[in-house]
Amino acid sequence: MPLDHSPRKIHIAPSVLPADFSKLGDECRALEDAGVDRIQWDVMDGQFVPNLTFGPDVIAACRRHVQVPFEAHLMVNTPEVLLQNYIDAGCEILIVHAESTMHLHRCLTQVAEGGARAAVALNPSTPISAVEHVLDLVEMVLVMTVNPGFGGQAYISTMEPKVRELRDLIVERGLDVDIEVDGGISPDTVADAASAGANVLIAGSALYRDPQGLAHAVSDLRERAEAAQVAGR
C-alpha cells in the first residue's frame, strides 16, 4: 500500500540574518506585515559554527514588537546549557542540532519541560539515523540544505532524497512531524524542496532581494511551494 503523503500546511519562516541589525524590532514588524508564519533566529556561538549572532536579550527586545511566533535555531555547542534563556526570551520553538550534544534525547526533553516546542536539525553530512530514535519527541526536523554558519549560500539539491526518506519514515510511523529546510531557499529552489516533502521553508537573502518587496517574496514562495505539493500528489 502506498504511503499517505497528503500535503502539509506550508509555513514561510524567514531568517533575520539579512536584516538591518540596527533596527531589528522594525525588521520583525515588516516581516509580520508581509505575512510570514514565524521568524527564525539563527543563534551561532562561534564554535559549533564560525560565526556569532544573537543572544537572548536581543531576541527578548524584539519579542514585544510582534505577535508572530519565534523559533531559535541553536547552532551552538552544549545547547542544554543555553536553551532555557532562549525560551525565556520568547522563542516558542527551539531547534537543537543532533551533532551538538552528547545527550540528544535528554536535551529535547529539556526543551519541552522548559515550555517550548522541540525540533531537531541535521547538517548535510548527518544521516537520518541520527534522529530516528527521537522523532517521537519533536514537532519538526530541520534538514539543512547548506552547511550552517552563514547566510547567502547555494542550495544543496542532493539533500532532497534525504528529505523524501525522512518524510517516508515519518509517515510510516504515523507521526505528526513537520520537515523544515534551511539554506538557499528561493523562487528557483522552493518547488523542489516542497516536492521532496518539506513544508516549513526558511528563506533569508531571497526575501530581502525581491525587487517587489517582502510581501511579494513571501506570497511568491508560498504559492510556488503549494503548487509543487499539488503537482507531486
N, C-alpha and C. Protein backbone atom coordinates (compact mmCIF):
# COMPACT_ATOMS: atom_id res chain seq x y z
N MET A 1 0.85 -1.19 0.00
CA MET A 1 0.00 0.00 0.00
C MET A 1 0.89 1.24 0.00
N PRO A 2 0.62 2.21 -0.89
CA PRO A 2 1.45 3.42 -0.92
C PRO A 2 1.27 4.24 0.34
N LEU A 3 2.31 4.96 0.72
CA LEU A 3 2.24 5.81 1.90
C LEU A 3 1.41 7.05 1.61
N ASP A 4 0.73 7.54 2.63
CA ASP A 4 -0.09 8.74 2.52
C ASP A 4 0.78 9.98 2.65
N HIS A 5 1.01 10.66 1.53
CA HIS A 5 1.81 11.87 1.55
C HIS A 5 0.93 13.09 1.28
N SER A 6 -0.19 13.16 1.99
CA SER A 6 -1.06 14.32 1.85
C SER A 6 -0.28 15.59 2.19
N PRO A 7 -0.51 16.66 1.43
CA PRO A 7 0.26 17.89 1.67
C PRO A 7 0.04 18.44 3.08
N ARG A 8 1.12 18.86 3.70
CA ARG A 8 1.04 19.54 4.99
C ARG A 8 1.06 21.04 4.75
N LYS A 9 0.53 21.77 5.68
CA LYS A 9 0.45 23.23 5.54
C LYS A 9 1.84 23.82 5.35
N ILE A 10 1.95 24.69 4.36
CA ILE A 10 3.21 25.38 4.09
C ILE A 10 3.39 26.53 5.09
N HIS A 11 4.59 26.62 5.64
CA HIS A 11 4.95 27.73 6.53
C HIS A 11 6.18 28.43 5.94
N ILE A 12 6.10 29.73 5.83
CA ILE A 12 7.24 30.53 5.39
C ILE A 12 7.84 31.18 6.63
N ALA A 13 9.11 30.88 6.87
CA ALA A 13 9.77 31.32 8.11
C ALA A 13 11.09 32.00 7.76
N PRO A 14 11.09 33.31 7.64
CA PRO A 14 12.33 33.98 7.26
C PRO A 14 13.38 34.00 8.37
N SER A 15 14.61 33.91 7.94
CA SER A 15 15.73 34.20 8.83
C SER A 15 15.97 35.70 8.83
N VAL A 16 16.33 36.23 9.98
CA VAL A 16 16.62 37.66 10.06
C VAL A 16 18.10 37.98 9.83
N LEU A 17 18.89 36.99 9.45
CA LEU A 17 20.31 37.25 9.20
C LEU A 17 20.54 38.38 8.19
N PRO A 18 19.74 38.48 7.10
CA PRO A 18 19.99 39.58 6.15
C PRO A 18 19.40 40.92 6.58
N ALA A 19 18.70 40.95 7.71
CA ALA A 19 18.04 42.18 8.14
C ALA A 19 19.05 43.21 8.63
N ASP A 20 18.56 44.43 8.81
CA ASP A 20 19.37 45.51 9.36
C ASP A 20 19.40 45.35 10.88
N PHE A 21 20.53 44.93 11.42
CA PHE A 21 20.63 44.64 12.84
C PHE A 21 20.45 45.89 13.71
N SER A 22 20.60 47.06 13.13
CA SER A 22 20.45 48.28 13.92
C SER A 22 18.99 48.62 14.21
N LYS A 23 18.06 47.92 13.55
CA LYS A 23 16.63 48.17 13.78
C LYS A 23 15.85 46.87 13.68
N LEU A 24 16.23 45.90 14.47
CA LEU A 24 15.64 44.57 14.37
C LEU A 24 14.16 44.55 14.74
N GLY A 25 13.75 45.39 15.68
CA GLY A 25 12.33 45.44 16.00
C GLY A 25 11.50 45.85 14.80
N ASP A 26 11.93 46.88 14.09
CA ASP A 26 11.23 47.31 12.88
C ASP A 26 11.27 46.22 11.81
N GLU A 27 12.40 45.55 11.70
CA GLU A 27 12.52 44.49 10.70
C GLU A 27 11.55 43.35 10.99
N CYS A 28 11.38 43.01 12.26
CA CYS A 28 10.42 41.97 12.63
C CYS A 28 8.99 42.39 12.29
N ARG A 29 8.67 43.65 12.55
CA ARG A 29 7.32 44.13 12.21
C ARG A 29 7.09 44.07 10.70
N ALA A 30 8.10 44.40 9.92
CA ALA A 30 7.97 44.35 8.47
C ALA A 30 7.73 42.92 8.00
N LEU A 31 8.39 41.97 8.60
CA LEU A 31 8.18 40.56 8.23
C LEU A 31 6.78 40.09 8.62
N GLU A 32 6.33 40.48 9.81
CA GLU A 32 4.98 40.12 10.23
C GLU A 32 3.95 40.73 9.27
N ASP A 33 4.13 41.98 8.90
CA ASP A 33 3.21 42.63 7.97
C ASP A 33 3.23 41.97 6.59
N ALA A 34 4.36 41.34 6.24
CA ALA A 34 4.48 40.68 4.94
C ALA A 34 3.78 39.32 4.91
N GLY A 35 3.32 38.85 6.07
CA GLY A 35 2.54 37.62 6.09
C GLY A 35 3.31 36.35 6.41
N VAL A 36 4.47 36.48 7.05
CA VAL A 36 5.23 35.28 7.39
C VAL A 36 4.51 34.51 8.50
N ASP A 37 4.83 33.21 8.59
CA ASP A 37 4.20 32.36 9.60
C ASP A 37 4.97 32.35 10.91
N ARG A 38 6.26 32.58 10.84
CA ARG A 38 7.11 32.67 12.03
C ARG A 38 8.41 33.34 11.61
N ILE A 39 9.22 33.69 12.58
CA ILE A 39 10.54 34.28 12.33
C ILE A 39 11.59 33.39 12.96
N GLN A 40 12.63 33.10 12.19
CA GLN A 40 13.71 32.27 12.71
C GLN A 40 14.91 33.12 13.13
N TRP A 41 15.42 32.82 14.32
CA TRP A 41 16.64 33.44 14.83
C TRP A 41 17.77 32.42 14.74
N ASP A 42 18.76 32.72 13.91
CA ASP A 42 19.92 31.85 13.75
C ASP A 42 20.92 32.17 14.85
N VAL A 43 20.93 31.35 15.87
CA VAL A 43 21.78 31.58 17.03
C VAL A 43 23.09 30.83 16.83
N MET A 44 24.19 31.57 16.72
CA MET A 44 25.50 30.98 16.44
C MET A 44 26.48 31.39 17.53
N ASP A 45 27.35 30.44 17.92
CA ASP A 45 28.22 30.67 19.07
C ASP A 45 29.70 30.84 18.72
N GLY A 46 30.05 30.80 17.43
CA GLY A 46 31.45 30.92 17.05
C GLY A 46 32.26 29.66 17.29
N GLN A 47 31.62 28.58 17.72
CA GLN A 47 32.30 27.32 17.97
C GLN A 47 31.68 26.18 17.16
N PHE A 48 30.39 25.96 17.36
CA PHE A 48 29.71 24.95 16.53
C PHE A 48 29.71 25.38 15.07
N VAL A 49 29.57 26.69 14.85
CA VAL A 49 29.72 27.30 13.52
C VAL A 49 30.63 28.52 13.65
N PRO A 50 31.30 28.91 12.57
CA PRO A 50 32.28 30.01 12.66
C PRO A 50 31.65 31.39 12.52
N ASN A 51 30.70 31.70 13.38
CA ASN A 51 30.05 33.00 13.35
C ASN A 51 29.41 33.25 14.70
N LEU A 52 29.13 34.50 15.01
CA LEU A 52 28.43 34.90 16.23
C LEU A 52 27.22 35.73 15.85
N THR A 53 26.08 35.46 16.49
CA THR A 53 24.89 36.24 16.14
C THR A 53 24.14 36.70 17.38
N PHE A 54 22.98 36.10 17.66
CA PHE A 54 22.00 36.70 18.57
C PHE A 54 22.01 36.06 19.96
N GLY A 55 22.16 36.89 20.97
CA GLY A 55 21.94 36.45 22.32
C GLY A 55 20.47 36.57 22.70
N PRO A 56 20.07 35.98 23.82
CA PRO A 56 18.65 36.01 24.21
C PRO A 56 18.13 37.42 24.49
N ASP A 57 18.97 38.32 24.96
CA ASP A 57 18.49 39.68 25.25
C ASP A 57 18.06 40.40 23.98
N VAL A 58 18.76 40.17 22.88
CA VAL A 58 18.37 40.79 21.60
C VAL A 58 17.01 40.28 21.16
N ILE A 59 16.81 38.97 21.27
CA ILE A 59 15.53 38.39 20.87
C ILE A 59 14.41 38.88 21.79
N ALA A 60 14.66 38.94 23.07
CA ALA A 60 13.64 39.42 24.01
C ALA A 60 13.24 40.86 23.72
N ALA A 61 14.21 41.67 23.29
CA ALA A 61 13.91 43.07 22.97
C ALA A 61 13.00 43.18 21.76
N CYS A 62 13.09 42.22 20.83
CA CYS A 62 12.25 42.24 19.62
C CYS A 62 10.90 41.57 19.84
N ARG A 63 10.83 40.72 20.84
CA ARG A 63 9.61 39.92 21.06
C ARG A 63 8.38 40.79 21.25
N ARG A 64 8.52 41.89 21.94
CA ARG A 64 7.36 42.73 22.24
C ARG A 64 6.85 43.51 21.03
N HIS A 65 7.59 43.51 19.94
CA HIS A 65 7.20 44.28 18.76
C HIS A 65 6.25 43.52 17.83
N VAL A 66 6.14 42.19 17.98
CA VAL A 66 5.33 41.39 17.05
C VAL A 66 4.61 40.27 17.80
N GLN A 67 3.59 39.74 17.14
CA GLN A 67 2.86 38.60 17.68
C GLN A 67 3.26 37.29 17.02
N VAL A 68 3.89 37.35 15.86
CA VAL A 68 4.25 36.15 15.11
C VAL A 68 5.20 35.29 15.93
N PRO A 69 5.08 33.96 15.86
CA PRO A 69 5.96 33.10 16.65
C PRO A 69 7.43 33.25 16.27
N PHE A 70 8.28 33.01 17.26
CA PHE A 70 9.73 32.98 17.06
C PHE A 70 10.22 31.54 17.19
N GLU A 71 11.19 31.18 16.36
CA GLU A 71 11.90 29.94 16.58
C GLU A 71 13.40 30.24 16.64
N ALA A 72 14.10 29.55 17.53
CA ALA A 72 15.54 29.71 17.66
C ALA A 72 16.22 28.47 17.11
N HIS A 73 17.06 28.68 16.11
CA HIS A 73 17.87 27.61 15.53
C HIS A 73 19.21 27.67 16.24
N LEU A 74 19.40 26.76 17.20
CA LEU A 74 20.56 26.80 18.08
C LEU A 74 21.74 26.09 17.43
N MET A 75 22.57 26.87 16.74
CA MET A 75 23.82 26.35 16.17
C MET A 75 24.92 26.60 17.18
N VAL A 76 24.83 25.87 18.30
CA VAL A 76 25.72 26.08 19.43
C VAL A 76 26.12 24.73 20.02
N ASN A 77 27.30 24.69 20.62
CA ASN A 77 27.69 23.52 21.39
C ASN A 77 26.97 23.52 22.74
N THR A 78 26.74 22.34 23.26
CA THR A 78 26.04 22.13 24.54
C THR A 78 24.80 23.01 24.66
N PRO A 79 23.83 22.85 23.76
CA PRO A 79 22.63 23.69 23.80
C PRO A 79 21.85 23.57 25.10
N GLU A 80 22.02 22.45 25.79
CA GLU A 80 21.29 22.28 27.04
C GLU A 80 21.66 23.34 28.07
N VAL A 81 22.82 23.95 27.94
CA VAL A 81 23.26 24.99 28.87
C VAL A 81 22.55 26.31 28.59
N LEU A 82 22.19 26.55 27.33
CA LEU A 82 21.68 27.85 26.91
C LEU A 82 20.18 27.89 26.63
N LEU A 83 19.58 26.74 26.38
CA LEU A 83 18.25 26.75 25.76
C LEU A 83 17.18 27.44 26.59
N GLN A 84 17.23 27.34 27.92
CA GLN A 84 16.18 27.97 28.71
C GLN A 84 16.20 29.49 28.55
N ASN A 85 17.39 30.06 28.32
CA ASN A 85 17.47 31.50 28.11
C ASN A 85 16.69 31.93 26.87
N TYR A 86 16.71 31.10 25.84
CA TYR A 86 16.01 31.44 24.60
C TYR A 86 14.51 31.19 24.72
N ILE A 87 14.14 30.22 25.52
CA ILE A 87 12.71 30.04 25.82
C ILE A 87 12.19 31.24 26.58
N ASP A 88 12.93 31.67 27.58
CA ASP A 88 12.52 32.82 28.39
C ASP A 88 12.50 34.10 27.56
N ALA A 89 13.31 34.16 26.50
CA ALA A 89 13.34 35.33 25.62
C ALA A 89 12.13 35.41 24.71
N GLY A 90 11.34 34.32 24.63
CA GLY A 90 10.12 34.35 23.85
C GLY A 90 10.10 33.47 22.62
N CYS A 91 11.01 32.51 22.55
CA CYS A 91 11.04 31.59 21.40
C CYS A 91 10.14 30.40 21.69
N GLU A 92 9.12 30.23 20.86
CA GLU A 92 8.17 29.13 21.06
C GLU A 92 8.69 27.79 20.56
N ILE A 93 9.61 27.83 19.60
CA ILE A 93 10.19 26.61 19.02
C ILE A 93 11.70 26.69 19.17
N LEU A 94 12.32 25.63 19.66
CA LEU A 94 13.77 25.55 19.75
C LEU A 94 14.26 24.38 18.93
N ILE A 95 15.21 24.66 18.06
CA ILE A 95 15.80 23.64 17.18
C ILE A 95 17.20 23.33 17.70
N VAL A 96 17.43 22.07 18.02
CA VAL A 96 18.71 21.61 18.55
C VAL A 96 19.37 20.73 17.50
N HIS A 97 20.65 20.95 17.24
CA HIS A 97 21.37 20.11 16.29
C HIS A 97 21.72 18.77 16.91
N ALA A 98 21.49 17.70 16.14
CA ALA A 98 21.84 16.37 16.61
C ALA A 98 23.33 16.24 16.88
N GLU A 99 24.13 17.02 16.17
CA GLU A 99 25.58 16.92 16.30
C GLU A 99 26.14 17.71 17.48
N SER A 100 25.31 18.49 18.15
CA SER A 100 25.82 19.48 19.11
C SER A 100 25.78 19.04 20.56
N THR A 101 25.20 17.89 20.83
CA THR A 101 25.04 17.46 22.22
C THR A 101 25.23 15.95 22.31
N MET A 102 25.83 15.50 23.40
CA MET A 102 26.03 14.07 23.62
C MET A 102 24.73 13.38 24.01
N HIS A 103 23.79 14.15 24.55
CA HIS A 103 22.57 13.55 25.10
C HIS A 103 21.36 14.21 24.43
N LEU A 104 21.13 13.85 23.17
CA LEU A 104 20.08 14.49 22.38
C LEU A 104 18.70 14.25 22.98
N HIS A 105 18.41 13.04 23.36
CA HIS A 105 17.11 12.71 23.94
C HIS A 105 16.84 13.58 25.16
N ARG A 106 17.81 13.66 26.05
CA ARG A 106 17.65 14.47 27.26
C ARG A 106 17.47 15.95 26.92
N CYS A 107 18.22 16.43 25.94
CA CYS A 107 18.17 17.84 25.57
C CYS A 107 16.80 18.21 25.00
N LEU A 108 16.25 17.37 24.13
CA LEU A 108 14.94 17.64 23.55
C LEU A 108 13.85 17.57 24.62
N THR A 109 13.99 16.66 25.54
CA THR A 109 13.05 16.59 26.66
C THR A 109 13.12 17.87 27.49
N GLN A 110 14.33 18.38 27.66
CA GLN A 110 14.53 19.62 28.42
C GLN A 110 13.82 20.80 27.75
N VAL A 111 13.83 20.83 26.42
CA VAL A 111 13.13 21.89 25.69
C VAL A 111 11.64 21.86 26.03
N ALA A 112 11.05 20.69 25.94
CA ALA A 112 9.62 20.56 26.23
C ALA A 112 9.31 20.90 27.67
N GLU A 113 10.14 20.44 28.58
CA GLU A 113 9.92 20.73 30.00
C GLU A 113 10.09 22.21 30.30
N GLY A 114 10.89 22.90 29.48
CA GLY A 114 11.10 24.32 29.67
C GLY A 114 9.99 25.18 29.12
N GLY A 115 9.06 24.58 28.38
CA GLY A 115 7.90 25.32 27.90
C GLY A 115 7.89 25.66 26.43
N ALA A 116 8.79 25.04 25.64
CA ALA A 116 8.82 25.29 24.21
C ALA A 116 8.56 24.01 23.43
N ARG A 117 8.38 24.16 22.13
CA ARG A 117 8.20 23.02 21.24
C ARG A 117 9.57 22.61 20.70
N ALA A 118 9.87 21.33 20.76
CA ALA A 118 11.19 20.83 20.42
C ALA A 118 11.28 20.45 18.95
N ALA A 119 12.43 20.76 18.35
CA ALA A 119 12.75 20.35 16.99
C ALA A 119 14.22 19.97 16.95
N VAL A 120 14.58 19.19 15.94
CA VAL A 120 15.95 18.72 15.82
C VAL A 120 16.45 18.98 14.41
N ALA A 121 17.74 19.31 14.29
CA ALA A 121 18.33 19.66 13.00
C ALA A 121 19.44 18.69 12.63
N LEU A 122 19.62 18.52 11.30
CA LEU A 122 20.66 17.66 10.75
C LEU A 122 21.51 18.45 9.76
N ASN A 123 22.82 18.44 9.96
CA ASN A 123 23.73 19.00 8.97
C ASN A 123 23.69 18.15 7.70
N PRO A 124 24.15 18.70 6.58
CA PRO A 124 24.08 17.94 5.33
C PRO A 124 24.71 16.56 5.38
N SER A 125 25.82 16.40 6.10
CA SER A 125 26.50 15.10 6.13
C SER A 125 25.96 14.15 7.18
N THR A 126 25.02 14.60 8.00
CA THR A 126 24.49 13.77 9.08
C THR A 126 23.32 12.93 8.59
N PRO A 127 23.37 11.61 8.78
CA PRO A 127 22.28 10.75 8.28
C PRO A 127 21.02 10.85 9.13
N ILE A 128 19.93 10.43 8.55
CA ILE A 128 18.64 10.43 9.25
C ILE A 128 18.68 9.53 10.48
N SER A 129 19.52 8.51 10.45
CA SER A 129 19.60 7.59 11.59
C SER A 129 19.95 8.31 12.89
N ALA A 130 20.57 9.49 12.78
CA ALA A 130 20.95 10.24 13.99
C ALA A 130 19.74 10.73 14.77
N VAL A 131 18.58 10.84 14.12
CA VAL A 131 17.38 11.32 14.82
C VAL A 131 16.25 10.30 14.81
N GLU A 132 16.51 9.14 14.27
CA GLU A 132 15.45 8.14 14.13
C GLU A 132 14.80 7.80 15.45
N HIS A 133 15.57 7.81 16.53
CA HIS A 133 15.05 7.38 17.82
C HIS A 133 14.58 8.53 18.71
N VAL A 134 14.50 9.74 18.14
CA VAL A 134 13.93 10.86 18.91
C VAL A 134 12.77 11.52 18.16
N LEU A 135 12.32 10.92 17.09
CA LEU A 135 11.24 11.53 16.31
C LEU A 135 9.96 11.68 17.12
N ASP A 136 9.77 10.83 18.11
CA ASP A 136 8.58 10.92 18.95
C ASP A 136 8.63 12.11 19.90
N LEU A 137 9.78 12.77 20.01
CA LEU A 137 9.94 13.89 20.94
C LEU A 137 9.84 15.25 20.27
N VAL A 138 9.75 15.28 18.94
CA VAL A 138 9.85 16.56 18.24
C VAL A 138 8.60 16.84 17.40
N GLU A 139 8.40 18.13 17.14
CA GLU A 139 7.34 18.55 16.23
C GLU A 139 7.86 18.83 14.84
N MET A 140 9.21 18.87 14.70
CA MET A 140 9.78 19.24 13.42
C MET A 140 11.21 18.73 13.33
N VAL A 141 11.61 18.35 12.10
CA VAL A 141 13.01 18.04 11.81
C VAL A 141 13.48 19.02 10.75
N LEU A 142 14.62 19.65 11.02
CA LEU A 142 15.23 20.57 10.07
C LEU A 142 16.34 19.85 9.31
N VAL A 143 16.18 19.76 8.00
CA VAL A 143 17.23 19.23 7.14
C VAL A 143 17.96 20.41 6.53
N MET A 144 19.20 20.60 6.94
CA MET A 144 19.98 21.71 6.41
C MET A 144 20.30 21.48 4.93
N THR A 145 20.02 22.50 4.12
CA THR A 145 20.33 22.43 2.70
C THR A 145 21.51 23.32 2.34
N VAL A 146 22.22 23.75 3.37
CA VAL A 146 23.57 24.33 3.27
C VAL A 146 24.31 23.88 4.53
N ASN A 147 25.61 24.06 4.55
CA ASN A 147 26.35 23.87 5.79
C ASN A 147 26.14 25.11 6.66
N PRO A 148 25.74 24.93 7.91
CA PRO A 148 25.32 26.07 8.72
C PRO A 148 26.46 27.01 9.06
N GLY A 149 26.09 28.27 9.31
CA GLY A 149 27.06 29.24 9.77
C GLY A 149 27.02 30.57 9.07
N PHE A 150 26.51 30.61 7.84
CA PHE A 150 26.49 31.85 7.08
C PHE A 150 25.23 31.90 6.22
N GLY A 151 24.71 33.10 5.97
CA GLY A 151 23.61 33.28 5.04
C GLY A 151 24.13 33.40 3.61
N GLY A 152 23.20 33.30 2.66
CA GLY A 152 23.53 33.54 1.27
C GLY A 152 24.25 32.41 0.56
N GLN A 153 24.23 31.21 1.11
CA GLN A 153 24.91 30.08 0.48
C GLN A 153 24.01 29.41 -0.57
N ALA A 154 24.64 28.63 -1.44
CA ALA A 154 23.91 27.94 -2.51
C ALA A 154 23.22 26.69 -1.97
N TYR A 155 22.03 26.47 -2.45
CA TYR A 155 21.19 25.31 -2.09
C TYR A 155 21.86 24.00 -2.51
N ILE A 156 21.90 23.04 -1.60
CA ILE A 156 22.46 21.71 -1.90
C ILE A 156 21.31 20.80 -2.30
N SER A 157 21.12 20.62 -3.59
CA SER A 157 19.96 19.87 -4.08
C SER A 157 20.03 18.38 -3.74
N THR A 158 21.21 17.88 -3.44
CA THR A 158 21.33 16.46 -3.10
C THR A 158 20.73 16.13 -1.73
N MET A 159 20.25 17.14 -1.01
CA MET A 159 19.54 16.89 0.24
C MET A 159 18.08 16.48 -0.01
N GLU A 160 17.59 16.64 -1.22
CA GLU A 160 16.18 16.30 -1.49
C GLU A 160 15.87 14.83 -1.26
N PRO A 161 16.71 13.88 -1.68
CA PRO A 161 16.42 12.48 -1.33
C PRO A 161 16.39 12.23 0.17
N LYS A 162 17.19 12.96 0.90
CA LYS A 162 17.19 12.85 2.37
C LYS A 162 15.84 13.31 2.93
N VAL A 163 15.31 14.41 2.38
CA VAL A 163 14.00 14.90 2.80
C VAL A 163 12.92 13.85 2.48
N ARG A 164 12.99 13.27 1.30
CA ARG A 164 11.99 12.24 0.92
C ARG A 164 12.07 11.03 1.85
N GLU A 165 13.27 10.60 2.14
CA GLU A 165 13.45 9.46 3.04
C GLU A 165 12.89 9.77 4.42
N LEU A 166 13.14 10.96 4.89
CA LEU A 166 12.63 11.36 6.21
C LEU A 166 11.11 11.43 6.20
N ARG A 167 10.53 12.01 5.15
CA ARG A 167 9.08 12.08 5.07
C ARG A 167 8.47 10.68 5.08
N ASP A 168 9.06 9.74 4.33
CA ASP A 168 8.57 8.37 4.32
C ASP A 168 8.60 7.76 5.72
N LEU A 169 9.69 7.99 6.43
CA LEU A 169 9.83 7.43 7.78
C LEU A 169 8.78 8.01 8.71
N ILE A 170 8.56 9.30 8.62
CA ILE A 170 7.55 9.96 9.47
C ILE A 170 6.15 9.40 9.17
N VAL A 171 5.84 9.27 7.90
CA VAL A 171 4.53 8.75 7.52
C VAL A 171 4.37 7.29 7.94
N GLU A 172 5.41 6.50 7.75
CA GLU A 172 5.36 5.09 8.15
C GLU A 172 5.02 4.94 9.62
N ARG A 173 5.53 5.84 10.42
CA ARG A 173 5.31 5.77 11.87
C ARG A 173 4.05 6.49 12.32
N GLY A 174 3.37 7.15 11.39
CA GLY A 174 2.14 7.85 11.74
C GLY A 174 2.36 9.05 12.63
N LEU A 175 3.49 9.72 12.47
CA LEU A 175 3.83 10.85 13.33
C LEU A 175 3.38 12.17 12.71
N ASP A 176 3.09 13.13 13.58
CA ASP A 176 2.69 14.48 13.15
C ASP A 176 3.91 15.38 13.28
N VAL A 177 4.80 15.30 12.29
CA VAL A 177 6.08 16.00 12.34
C VAL A 177 6.30 16.76 11.04
N ASP A 178 6.59 18.04 11.17
CA ASP A 178 6.93 18.87 10.01
C ASP A 178 8.37 18.63 9.60
N ILE A 179 8.67 18.94 8.33
CA ILE A 179 10.05 18.95 7.85
C ILE A 179 10.37 20.36 7.38
N GLU A 180 11.43 20.90 7.95
CA GLU A 180 11.90 22.23 7.60
C GLU A 180 13.18 22.11 6.77
N VAL A 181 13.36 23.01 5.82
CA VAL A 181 14.62 23.11 5.09
C VAL A 181 15.13 24.53 5.21
N ASP A 182 16.46 24.63 5.30
CA ASP A 182 17.09 25.92 5.58
C ASP A 182 18.38 25.99 4.79
N GLY A 183 18.44 26.99 3.89
CA GLY A 183 19.66 27.22 3.13
C GLY A 183 19.41 27.28 1.64
N GLY A 184 19.56 28.45 1.07
CA GLY A 184 19.43 28.59 -0.37
C GLY A 184 18.01 28.50 -0.90
N ILE A 185 17.00 28.65 -0.03
CA ILE A 185 15.61 28.58 -0.49
C ILE A 185 15.27 29.88 -1.20
N SER A 186 14.77 29.75 -2.42
CA SER A 186 14.48 30.90 -3.28
C SER A 186 13.38 30.49 -4.25
N PRO A 187 12.90 31.42 -5.08
CA PRO A 187 11.92 31.02 -6.11
C PRO A 187 12.42 29.91 -7.03
N ASP A 188 13.72 29.78 -7.17
CA ASP A 188 14.28 28.75 -8.05
C ASP A 188 14.38 27.39 -7.40
N THR A 189 14.38 27.33 -6.09
CA THR A 189 14.59 26.05 -5.40
C THR A 189 13.42 25.59 -4.55
N VAL A 190 12.50 26.47 -4.24
CA VAL A 190 11.47 26.14 -3.26
C VAL A 190 10.55 25.02 -3.74
N ALA A 191 10.25 24.96 -5.03
CA ALA A 191 9.36 23.91 -5.53
C ALA A 191 9.97 22.53 -5.35
N ASP A 192 11.26 22.40 -5.62
CA ASP A 192 11.91 21.10 -5.47
C ASP A 192 11.95 20.68 -4.01
N ALA A 193 12.19 21.63 -3.11
CA ALA A 193 12.20 21.31 -1.68
C ALA A 193 10.82 20.86 -1.21
N ALA A 194 9.78 21.56 -1.66
CA ALA A 194 8.42 21.20 -1.27
C ALA A 194 8.00 19.86 -1.89
N SER A 195 8.39 19.62 -3.12
CA SER A 195 8.07 18.34 -3.78
C SER A 195 8.70 17.17 -3.04
N ALA A 196 9.88 17.41 -2.46
CA ALA A 196 10.56 16.35 -1.74
C ALA A 196 9.89 16.02 -0.41
N GLY A 197 9.09 16.96 0.12
CA GLY A 197 8.38 16.70 1.36
C GLY A 197 8.54 17.73 2.44
N ALA A 198 9.29 18.80 2.16
CA ALA A 198 9.44 19.86 3.15
C ALA A 198 8.22 20.77 3.13
N ASN A 199 7.80 21.21 4.32
CA ASN A 199 6.65 22.13 4.37
C ASN A 199 6.93 23.39 5.18
N VAL A 200 8.06 23.46 5.88
CA VAL A 200 8.47 24.67 6.56
C VAL A 200 9.73 25.16 5.87
N LEU A 201 9.65 26.35 5.31
CA LEU A 201 10.67 26.83 4.38
C LEU A 201 11.33 28.09 4.94
N ILE A 202 12.63 27.97 5.22
CA ILE A 202 13.40 29.10 5.72
C ILE A 202 13.98 29.85 4.52
N ALA A 203 13.77 31.13 4.47
CA ALA A 203 14.34 31.95 3.41
C ALA A 203 14.92 33.21 4.04
N GLY A 204 16.03 33.64 3.52
CA GLY A 204 16.65 34.86 4.02
C GLY A 204 16.97 35.80 2.90
N SER A 205 18.08 35.59 2.26
CA SER A 205 18.55 36.50 1.21
C SER A 205 17.53 36.67 0.10
N ALA A 206 16.87 35.58 -0.29
CA ALA A 206 15.92 35.65 -1.40
C ALA A 206 14.75 36.58 -1.10
N LEU A 207 14.32 36.61 0.16
CA LEU A 207 13.22 37.51 0.53
C LEU A 207 13.63 38.97 0.43
N TYR A 208 14.80 39.25 0.96
CA TYR A 208 15.23 40.64 1.06
C TYR A 208 15.68 41.24 -0.27
N ARG A 209 16.01 40.38 -1.24
CA ARG A 209 16.44 40.94 -2.52
C ARG A 209 15.33 40.98 -3.56
N ASP A 210 14.12 40.60 -3.19
CA ASP A 210 12.99 40.67 -4.13
C ASP A 210 12.70 42.14 -4.43
N PRO A 211 12.77 42.57 -5.68
CA PRO A 211 12.56 43.99 -6.00
C PRO A 211 11.14 44.45 -5.73
N GLN A 212 10.19 43.51 -5.61
CA GLN A 212 8.81 43.88 -5.33
C GLN A 212 8.49 43.89 -3.83
N GLY A 213 9.47 43.60 -3.01
CA GLY A 213 9.29 43.74 -1.58
C GLY A 213 9.01 42.43 -0.86
N LEU A 214 8.98 42.53 0.48
CA LEU A 214 8.85 41.34 1.31
C LEU A 214 7.51 40.63 1.11
N ALA A 215 6.43 41.37 1.05
CA ALA A 215 5.11 40.73 0.92
C ALA A 215 5.02 39.91 -0.35
N HIS A 216 5.53 40.46 -1.45
CA HIS A 216 5.53 39.70 -2.70
C HIS A 216 6.41 38.47 -2.58
N ALA A 217 7.58 38.62 -1.97
CA ALA A 217 8.51 37.50 -1.83
C ALA A 217 7.89 36.36 -1.03
N VAL A 218 7.20 36.69 0.07
CA VAL A 218 6.58 35.67 0.91
C VAL A 218 5.47 34.96 0.16
N SER A 219 4.57 35.72 -0.47
CA SER A 219 3.45 35.09 -1.18
C SER A 219 3.93 34.27 -2.37
N ASP A 220 4.99 34.75 -3.04
CA ASP A 220 5.53 34.01 -4.19
C ASP A 220 6.08 32.66 -3.76
N LEU A 221 6.87 32.64 -2.68
CA LEU A 221 7.40 31.37 -2.20
C LEU A 221 6.28 30.43 -1.78
N ARG A 222 5.28 30.97 -1.08
CA ARG A 222 4.17 30.13 -0.63
C ARG A 222 3.42 29.51 -1.80
N GLU A 223 3.12 30.34 -2.79
CA GLU A 223 2.38 29.84 -3.96
C GLU A 223 3.17 28.78 -4.73
N ARG A 224 4.46 28.99 -4.88
CA ARG A 224 5.29 28.01 -5.59
C ARG A 224 5.36 26.69 -4.82
N ALA A 225 5.49 26.78 -3.49
CA ALA A 225 5.56 25.56 -2.69
C ALA A 225 4.24 24.81 -2.71
N GLU A 226 3.12 25.53 -2.58
CA GLU A 226 1.82 24.87 -2.60
C GLU A 226 1.53 24.23 -3.95
N ALA A 227 1.92 24.91 -5.02
CA ALA A 227 1.72 24.33 -6.34
C ALA A 227 2.55 23.07 -6.53
N ALA A 228 3.76 23.07 -5.99
CA ALA A 228 4.61 21.89 -6.09
C ALA A 228 4.03 20.72 -5.30
N GLN A 229 3.45 21.00 -4.16
CA GLN A 229 2.79 19.95 -3.38
C GLN A 229 1.67 19.30 -4.18
N VAL A 230 0.83 20.13 -4.80
CA VAL A 230 -0.31 19.61 -5.57
C VAL A 230 0.17 18.80 -6.77
N ALA A 231 1.20 19.31 -7.44
CA ALA A 231 1.72 18.62 -8.61
C ALA A 231 2.35 17.28 -8.26
N GLY A 232 2.87 17.18 -7.04
CA GLY A 232 3.55 15.96 -6.65
C GLY A 232 2.65 14.90 -6.06
N ARG A 233 1.38 15.20 -5.89
CA ARG A 233 0.44 14.24 -5.28
C ARG A 233 0.17 13.07 -6.20
